[in-house]
Amino acid sequence: MQCGAKCFTVQVEINGEIKTFPVTARSPIQARKAVRLQYEEAVKIISVRAEKK
């Protein structure tokens, strides 16, 4: 875990299925990058939201 990291909820569409899961990153942009690296370009990112405390 990096300094300044937050938890984001990412909603994606994979093969026609909508899935939601948490991602730890410093910013929404880095959360998107982490998802793209894990699931490659076959994923469509619907939304990235910061989790509320």
C-alpha atoms as a PDB file:
ATOM      1  CA  MET A   1       0.000   0.000   0.000  1.00  0.00           C
ATOM      2  CA  GLN A   2       1.360   3.377  -0.996  1.00  0.00           C
ATOM      3  CA  CYS A   3       1.392   6.569   1.012  1.00  0.00           C
ATOM      4  CA  GLY A   4      -1.795   8.545   0.363  1.00  0.00           C
ATOM      5  CA  ALA A   5      -3.663   5.558  -1.051  1.00  0.00           C
ATOM      6  CA  LYS A   6      -7.453   5.409  -0.832  1.00  0.00           C
ATOM      7  CA  CYS A   7      -9.990   2.741  -1.583  1.00  0.00           C
ATOM      8  CA  PHE A   8     -12.057   3.125  -4.757  1.00  0.00           C
ATOM      9  CA  THR A   9     -15.049   1.123  -5.940  1.00  0.00           C
ATOM     10  CA  VAL A  10     -14.728   0.266  -9.624  1.00  0.00           C
ATOM     11  CA  GLN A  11     -17.677  -0.910 -11.702  1.00  0.00           C
ATOM     12  CA  VAL A  12     -16.716  -2.712 -14.927  1.00  0.00           C
ATOM     13  CA  GLU A  13     -18.329  -4.685 -17.723  1.00  0.00           C
ATOM     14  CA  ILE A  14     -16.567  -7.934 -18.582  1.00  0.00           C
ATOM     15  CA  ASN A  15     -18.026 -10.173 -21.291  1.00  0.00           C
ATOM     16  CA  GLY A  16     -21.479  -8.610 -20.860  1.00  0.00           C
ATOM     17  CA  GLU A  17     -21.470  -8.979 -17.056  1.00  0.00           C
ATOM     18  CA  ILE A  18     -21.305  -5.951 -14.737  1.00  0.00           C
ATOM     19  CA  LYS A  19     -19.002  -6.471 -11.761  1.00  0.00           C
ATOM     20  CA  THR A  20     -18.057  -4.208  -8.849  1.00  0.00           C
ATOM     21  CA  PHE A  21     -14.906  -4.551  -6.770  1.00  0.00           C
ATOM     22  CA  PRO A  22     -12.594  -2.451  -4.548  1.00  0.00           C
ATOM     23  CA  VAL A  23      -9.219  -1.130  -5.746  1.00  0.00           C
ATOM     24  CA  THR A  24      -6.568   0.577  -3.601  1.00  0.00           C
ATOM     25  CA  ALA A  25      -4.895   3.487  -5.413  1.00  0.00           C
ATOM     26  CA  ARG A  26      -3.824   7.101  -4.942  1.00  0.00           C
ATOM     27  CA  SER A  27      -6.263   8.559  -7.477  1.00  0.00           C
ATOM     28  CA  PRO A  28      -9.158   7.494  -9.706  1.00  0.00           C
ATOM     29  CA  ILE A  29      -6.783   7.555 -12.685  1.00  0.00           C
ATOM     30  CA  GLN A  30      -4.434   5.064 -11.037  1.00  0.00           C
ATOM     31  CA  ALA A  31      -7.419   2.887 -10.091  1.00  0.00           C
ATOM     32  CA  ARG A  32      -8.410   2.766 -13.781  1.00  0.00           C
ATOM     33  CA  LYS A  33      -4.829   1.890 -14.757  1.00  0.00           C
ATOM     34  CA  ALA A  34      -4.732  -0.947 -12.221  1.00  0.00           C
ATOM     35  CA  VAL A  35      -7.967  -2.403 -13.620  1.00  0.00           C
ATOM     36  CA  ARG A  36      -6.731  -2.155 -17.218  1.00  0.00           C
ATOM     37  CA  LEU A  37      -3.458  -3.875 -16.315  1.00  0.00           C
ATOM     38  CA  GLN A  38      -5.259  -6.703 -14.535  1.00  0.00           C
ATOM     39  CA  TYR A  39      -8.042  -7.321 -17.070  1.00  0.00           C
ATOM     40  CA  GLU A  40      -6.293  -5.943 -20.184  1.00  0.00           C
ATOM     41  CA  GLU A  41      -8.196  -3.949 -22.801  1.00  0.00           C
ATOM     42  CA  ALA A  42     -11.180  -6.353 -22.922  1.00  0.00           C
ATOM     43  CA  VAL A  43     -12.800  -4.553 -19.970  1.00  0.00           C
ATOM     44  CA  LYS A  44     -15.084  -1.521 -20.166  1.00  0.00           C
ATOM     45  CA  ILE A  45     -14.850   0.692 -17.067  1.00  0.00           C
ATOM     46  CA  ILE A  46     -18.259   2.107 -16.163  1.00  0.00           C
ATOM     47  CA  SER A  47     -17.459   4.102 -13.015  1.00  0.00           C
ATOM     48  CA  VAL A  48     -14.791   4.776 -10.390  1.00  0.00           C
ATOM     49  CA  ARG A  49     -15.947   6.142  -7.042  1.00  0.00           C
ATOM     50  CA  ALA A  50     -14.157   6.852  -3.793  1.00  0.00           C
ATOM     51  CA  GLU A  51     -15.465   4.777  -0.891  1.00  0.00           C
ATOM     52  CA  LYS A  52     -17.007   6.774   1.914  1.00  0.00           C
ATOM     53  CA  LYS A  53     -15.787   6.319   5.462  1.00  0.00           C
END
